N, C-alpha and C. Protein backbone atom coordinates (compact mmCIF):
# COMPACT_ATOMS: atom_id res chain seq x y z
N MET A 1 -33.85 7.10 -20.44
CA MET A 1 -34.20 8.09 -19.44
C MET A 1 -35.68 7.94 -19.10
N PRO A 2 -36.03 7.82 -17.81
CA PRO A 2 -37.43 7.65 -17.43
C PRO A 2 -38.26 8.89 -17.77
N THR A 3 -39.49 8.63 -18.18
CA THR A 3 -40.41 9.71 -18.49
C THR A 3 -40.96 10.27 -17.20
N ARG A 4 -40.96 11.58 -17.09
CA ARG A 4 -41.49 12.24 -15.89
C ARG A 4 -42.93 12.62 -16.15
N LEU A 5 -43.81 12.16 -15.28
CA LEU A 5 -45.23 12.48 -15.43
C LEU A 5 -45.49 13.92 -15.02
N ARG A 6 -46.28 14.59 -15.80
CA ARG A 6 -46.62 15.97 -15.50
C ARG A 6 -47.87 16.00 -14.63
N ARG A 7 -47.77 16.72 -13.53
CA ARG A 7 -48.92 16.84 -12.63
C ARG A 7 -49.91 17.83 -13.20
N THR A 8 -51.17 17.46 -13.16
CA THR A 8 -52.23 18.33 -13.65
C THR A 8 -52.66 19.29 -12.55
N ILE A 9 -53.47 20.25 -12.93
CA ILE A 9 -54.04 21.18 -11.95
C ILE A 9 -54.88 20.40 -10.93
N ALA A 10 -55.62 19.40 -11.39
CA ALA A 10 -56.42 18.58 -10.48
C ALA A 10 -55.52 17.86 -9.48
N ASP A 11 -54.38 17.33 -9.94
CA ASP A 11 -53.43 16.67 -9.04
C ASP A 11 -52.93 17.65 -7.99
N ARG A 12 -52.57 18.85 -8.43
CA ARG A 12 -52.05 19.86 -7.50
C ARG A 12 -53.12 20.28 -6.50
N LEU A 13 -54.35 20.42 -6.97
CA LEU A 13 -55.44 20.80 -6.07
C LEU A 13 -55.67 19.71 -5.03
N ARG A 14 -55.69 18.45 -5.43
CA ARG A 14 -55.87 17.36 -4.46
C ARG A 14 -54.74 17.34 -3.44
N GLU A 15 -53.53 17.64 -3.89
CA GLU A 15 -52.39 17.69 -2.97
C GLU A 15 -52.57 18.80 -1.93
N VAL A 16 -52.99 19.97 -2.37
CA VAL A 16 -53.20 21.10 -1.45
C VAL A 16 -54.34 20.79 -0.48
N LEU A 17 -55.42 20.20 -0.99
CA LEU A 17 -56.54 19.84 -0.11
C LEU A 17 -56.11 18.78 0.91
N GLY A 18 -55.29 17.83 0.48
CA GLY A 18 -54.77 16.82 1.40
C GLY A 18 -53.92 17.43 2.49
N ASP A 19 -53.12 18.43 2.13
CA ASP A 19 -52.31 19.13 3.14
C ASP A 19 -53.21 19.88 4.13
N LEU A 20 -54.24 20.54 3.60
CA LEU A 20 -55.17 21.27 4.47
C LEU A 20 -55.90 20.31 5.41
N ALA A 21 -56.11 19.08 4.96
CA ALA A 21 -56.79 18.06 5.76
C ALA A 21 -55.80 17.30 6.66
N LYS A 22 -54.56 17.78 6.71
CA LYS A 22 -53.52 17.17 7.56
C LYS A 22 -53.28 15.70 7.23
N GLY A 23 -53.51 15.33 5.96
CA GLY A 23 -53.27 13.97 5.51
C GLY A 23 -54.32 12.96 5.94
N HIS A 24 -55.44 13.42 6.50
CA HIS A 24 -56.47 12.52 7.02
C HIS A 24 -57.62 12.29 6.05
N ALA A 25 -57.60 12.90 4.88
CA ALA A 25 -58.73 12.79 3.96
C ALA A 25 -58.45 11.77 2.87
N GLN A 26 -59.47 11.04 2.52
CA GLN A 26 -59.43 10.13 1.38
C GLN A 26 -60.32 10.77 0.31
N VAL A 27 -59.78 10.94 -0.90
CA VAL A 27 -60.56 11.51 -2.00
C VAL A 27 -61.44 10.41 -2.56
N LEU A 28 -62.76 10.61 -2.47
CA LEU A 28 -63.71 9.63 -3.00
C LEU A 28 -64.06 9.93 -4.45
N ALA A 29 -64.12 11.20 -4.79
CA ALA A 29 -64.48 11.60 -6.15
C ALA A 29 -63.93 13.00 -6.43
N HIS A 30 -63.62 13.25 -7.69
CA HIS A 30 -63.15 14.57 -8.11
C HIS A 30 -63.63 14.78 -9.54
N ILE A 31 -64.49 15.77 -9.70
CA ILE A 31 -65.01 16.11 -11.02
C ILE A 31 -64.52 17.50 -11.39
N GLU A 32 -63.92 17.61 -12.56
CA GLU A 32 -63.38 18.88 -13.05
C GLU A 32 -64.12 19.25 -14.34
N THR A 33 -64.62 20.49 -14.39
CA THR A 33 -65.30 20.96 -15.60
C THR A 33 -64.74 22.32 -15.99
N ALA A 34 -64.70 22.55 -17.29
CA ALA A 34 -64.23 23.84 -17.80
C ALA A 34 -65.21 24.93 -17.39
N TRP A 35 -64.69 26.12 -17.18
CA TRP A 35 -65.51 27.26 -16.77
C TRP A 35 -64.97 28.51 -17.46
N ALA A 36 -65.86 29.40 -17.87
CA ALA A 36 -65.42 30.64 -18.48
C ALA A 36 -66.49 31.72 -18.29
N SER A 37 -66.02 32.96 -18.21
CA SER A 37 -66.90 34.12 -18.20
C SER A 37 -66.42 35.02 -19.33
N ALA A 38 -66.96 36.21 -19.42
CA ALA A 38 -66.54 37.12 -20.48
C ALA A 38 -65.08 37.53 -20.33
N THR A 39 -64.56 37.52 -19.11
CA THR A 39 -63.19 38.00 -18.88
C THR A 39 -62.22 36.96 -18.31
N PHE A 40 -62.73 35.84 -17.80
CA PHE A 40 -61.86 34.85 -17.15
C PHE A 40 -62.14 33.46 -17.69
N SER A 41 -61.15 32.59 -17.58
CA SER A 41 -61.36 31.18 -17.87
C SER A 41 -60.67 30.36 -16.79
N GLY A 42 -61.16 29.16 -16.62
CA GLY A 42 -60.60 28.29 -15.59
C GLY A 42 -61.34 26.99 -15.51
N THR A 43 -61.36 26.41 -14.32
CA THR A 43 -62.03 25.13 -14.09
C THR A 43 -62.76 25.15 -12.75
N ARG A 44 -63.88 24.44 -12.74
CA ARG A 44 -64.64 24.25 -11.50
C ARG A 44 -64.39 22.82 -11.05
N HIS A 45 -64.13 22.66 -9.75
CA HIS A 45 -63.81 21.35 -9.19
C HIS A 45 -64.80 21.02 -8.09
N ARG A 46 -65.30 19.79 -8.14
CA ARG A 46 -66.17 19.27 -7.07
C ARG A 46 -65.44 18.06 -6.50
N VAL A 47 -65.06 18.15 -5.23
CA VAL A 47 -64.23 17.12 -4.61
C VAL A 47 -64.95 16.58 -3.37
N GLU A 48 -65.06 15.24 -3.33
CA GLU A 48 -65.68 14.58 -2.18
C GLU A 48 -64.57 13.91 -1.37
N LEU A 49 -64.51 14.27 -0.09
CA LEU A 49 -63.48 13.76 0.82
C LEU A 49 -64.11 13.01 1.98
N ARG A 50 -63.44 11.95 2.42
CA ARG A 50 -63.93 11.21 3.59
C ARG A 50 -62.86 11.22 4.67
N PHE A 51 -63.33 11.44 5.90
CA PHE A 51 -62.48 11.42 7.09
C PHE A 51 -63.03 10.32 7.99
N GLU A 52 -62.20 9.31 8.34
CA GLU A 52 -62.67 8.19 9.15
C GLU A 52 -61.88 8.11 10.45
N GLY A 53 -62.59 7.97 11.56
CA GLY A 53 -61.97 7.88 12.88
C GLY A 53 -61.95 9.24 13.56
N ALA A 54 -61.80 9.21 14.87
CA ALA A 54 -61.90 10.43 15.69
C ALA A 54 -60.87 11.49 15.30
N GLU A 55 -59.63 11.10 15.14
CA GLU A 55 -58.58 12.06 14.79
C GLU A 55 -58.82 12.67 13.41
N ALA A 56 -59.22 11.82 12.47
CA ALA A 56 -59.50 12.29 11.12
C ALA A 56 -60.72 13.23 11.10
N ILE A 57 -61.74 12.89 11.86
CA ILE A 57 -62.94 13.74 11.91
C ILE A 57 -62.59 15.11 12.48
N GLU A 58 -61.74 15.14 13.48
CA GLU A 58 -61.30 16.43 14.02
C GLU A 58 -60.57 17.24 12.93
N ALA A 59 -59.71 16.58 12.16
CA ALA A 59 -59.03 17.25 11.05
C ALA A 59 -60.04 17.71 10.00
N GLY A 60 -61.09 16.91 9.78
CA GLY A 60 -62.14 17.27 8.83
C GLY A 60 -62.92 18.50 9.27
N GLU A 61 -63.20 18.59 10.55
CA GLU A 61 -63.92 19.76 11.07
C GLU A 61 -63.07 21.01 10.92
N THR A 62 -61.76 20.88 11.14
CA THR A 62 -60.84 22.01 10.93
C THR A 62 -60.80 22.37 9.45
N PHE A 63 -60.76 21.36 8.59
CA PHE A 63 -60.78 21.57 7.14
C PHE A 63 -61.99 22.39 6.72
N ILE A 64 -63.17 22.02 7.23
CA ILE A 64 -64.41 22.73 6.91
C ILE A 64 -64.31 24.20 7.32
N ALA A 65 -63.75 24.45 8.49
CA ALA A 65 -63.64 25.82 8.99
C ALA A 65 -62.64 26.65 8.19
N LEU A 66 -61.54 26.03 7.76
CA LEU A 66 -60.46 26.77 7.10
C LEU A 66 -60.62 26.93 5.59
N LEU A 67 -61.30 26.00 4.93
CA LEU A 67 -61.35 25.99 3.47
C LEU A 67 -61.76 27.32 2.83
N PRO A 68 -62.85 27.96 3.26
CA PRO A 68 -63.30 29.16 2.54
C PRO A 68 -62.29 30.32 2.54
N GLU A 69 -61.43 30.41 3.55
CA GLU A 69 -60.48 31.52 3.65
C GLU A 69 -59.04 31.10 3.37
N HIS A 70 -58.84 29.84 3.01
CA HIS A 70 -57.48 29.33 2.80
C HIS A 70 -56.80 30.03 1.61
N GLU A 71 -55.53 30.37 1.78
CA GLU A 71 -54.73 30.97 0.71
C GLU A 71 -54.05 29.84 -0.05
N PHE A 72 -54.57 29.50 -1.21
CA PHE A 72 -54.03 28.42 -2.02
C PHE A 72 -52.81 28.89 -2.79
N ALA A 73 -51.87 27.98 -2.98
CA ALA A 73 -50.67 28.25 -3.77
C ALA A 73 -50.60 27.21 -4.89
N ILE A 74 -51.25 27.51 -6.00
CA ILE A 74 -51.25 26.63 -7.17
C ILE A 74 -50.70 27.45 -8.33
N PRO A 75 -49.48 27.16 -8.77
CA PRO A 75 -48.84 27.97 -9.81
C PRO A 75 -49.73 28.17 -11.04
N GLY A 76 -49.84 29.43 -11.47
CA GLY A 76 -50.61 29.76 -12.66
C GLY A 76 -52.09 29.84 -12.46
N HIS A 77 -52.55 29.65 -11.23
CA HIS A 77 -53.98 29.66 -10.96
C HIS A 77 -54.30 30.41 -9.67
N LEU A 78 -55.47 30.98 -9.66
CA LEU A 78 -56.01 31.68 -8.51
C LEU A 78 -57.29 30.97 -8.10
N VAL A 79 -57.42 30.61 -6.83
CA VAL A 79 -58.65 30.01 -6.35
C VAL A 79 -59.60 31.15 -6.02
N ALA A 80 -60.60 31.34 -6.88
CA ALA A 80 -61.54 32.45 -6.74
C ALA A 80 -62.62 32.15 -5.72
N ASP A 81 -62.93 30.86 -5.54
CA ASP A 81 -64.00 30.49 -4.61
C ASP A 81 -63.73 29.07 -4.11
N ALA A 82 -63.89 28.86 -2.83
CA ALA A 82 -63.75 27.54 -2.22
C ALA A 82 -64.85 27.42 -1.17
N THR A 83 -65.76 26.48 -1.38
CA THR A 83 -66.93 26.37 -0.53
C THR A 83 -67.20 24.92 -0.16
N VAL A 84 -67.60 24.69 1.07
CA VAL A 84 -68.11 23.39 1.48
C VAL A 84 -69.60 23.40 1.17
N VAL A 85 -70.06 22.49 0.31
CA VAL A 85 -71.46 22.50 -0.11
C VAL A 85 -72.30 21.41 0.55
N GLU A 86 -71.62 20.41 1.14
CA GLU A 86 -72.37 19.33 1.78
C GLU A 86 -71.48 18.63 2.80
N VAL A 87 -72.07 18.27 3.93
CA VAL A 87 -71.36 17.54 4.99
C VAL A 87 -72.27 16.43 5.49
N ASP A 88 -71.71 15.23 5.62
CA ASP A 88 -72.44 14.09 6.18
C ASP A 88 -71.58 13.52 7.31
N HIS A 89 -72.09 13.59 8.53
CA HIS A 89 -71.35 13.12 9.71
C HIS A 89 -72.12 11.94 10.29
N ARG A 90 -71.47 10.78 10.29
CA ARG A 90 -72.12 9.57 10.82
C ARG A 90 -71.29 8.97 11.93
N LEU A 91 -71.97 8.40 12.90
CA LEU A 91 -71.30 7.75 14.01
C LEU A 91 -71.36 6.23 13.91
N GLN A 92 -72.35 5.70 13.19
CA GLN A 92 -72.55 4.26 13.08
C GLN A 92 -72.49 3.84 11.62
N PRO A 93 -71.95 2.73 11.23
CA PRO A 93 -71.29 1.75 12.07
C PRO A 93 -69.89 2.20 12.49
N GLU A 94 -69.28 3.12 11.74
CA GLU A 94 -68.00 3.71 12.13
C GLU A 94 -68.12 5.23 12.06
N ALA A 95 -67.37 5.90 12.92
CA ALA A 95 -67.38 7.36 12.89
C ALA A 95 -66.71 7.83 11.60
N ARG A 96 -67.43 8.66 10.84
CA ARG A 96 -66.86 9.20 9.61
C ARG A 96 -67.54 10.52 9.25
N LEU A 97 -66.80 11.31 8.51
CA LEU A 97 -67.25 12.61 8.06
C LEU A 97 -66.98 12.68 6.57
N THR A 98 -68.01 12.96 5.78
CA THR A 98 -67.85 13.10 4.34
C THR A 98 -68.12 14.56 3.99
N VAL A 99 -67.21 15.16 3.23
CA VAL A 99 -67.30 16.57 2.88
C VAL A 99 -67.28 16.72 1.37
N MET A 100 -68.22 17.50 0.84
CA MET A 100 -68.24 17.84 -0.58
C MET A 100 -67.84 19.31 -0.68
N ALA A 101 -66.78 19.57 -1.42
CA ALA A 101 -66.29 20.94 -1.60
C ALA A 101 -66.32 21.30 -3.07
N GLU A 102 -66.60 22.57 -3.35
CA GLU A 102 -66.54 23.09 -4.71
C GLU A 102 -65.55 24.24 -4.75
N LEU A 103 -64.69 24.22 -5.77
CA LEU A 103 -63.67 25.25 -5.92
C LEU A 103 -63.65 25.74 -7.35
N LEU A 104 -63.47 27.03 -7.51
CA LEU A 104 -63.33 27.65 -8.83
C LEU A 104 -61.91 28.14 -8.97
N LEU A 105 -61.19 27.59 -9.93
CA LEU A 105 -59.80 28.00 -10.20
C LEU A 105 -59.78 28.80 -11.49
N LEU A 106 -59.20 30.00 -11.42
CA LEU A 106 -59.06 30.85 -12.59
C LEU A 106 -57.62 30.83 -13.07
N GLU A 107 -57.45 30.81 -14.38
CA GLU A 107 -56.11 30.86 -14.95
C GLU A 107 -55.58 32.28 -14.82
N GLU A 108 -54.34 32.40 -14.29
CA GLU A 108 -53.71 33.71 -14.20
C GLU A 108 -53.13 34.05 -15.56
N THR A 109 -53.33 35.29 -15.97
CA THR A 109 -52.82 35.70 -17.27
C THR A 109 -51.70 36.68 -17.13
């Protein structure tokens, strides 16, 4: 019987971000770190996405606008904060948009 790989929270988050980006984003980097306060625990994620070409850049601009208010559906987790922290838009040598996003996921208890 084939072994079924278990998707991690990071995998699920990248999938949701890809959907929000309408499939036009390439994940360049994803750093996940543990996070905790006196009452909550979870993970902080820093994700770098690249959008290349006119259609992708348009999807990237929509992504930037929608991310902070997006209602995420990640089982067992609540996205407490989703912020775009850096944007690099270049036209030469190819049109591309690079977006750095930070998200705080809290474990639901």
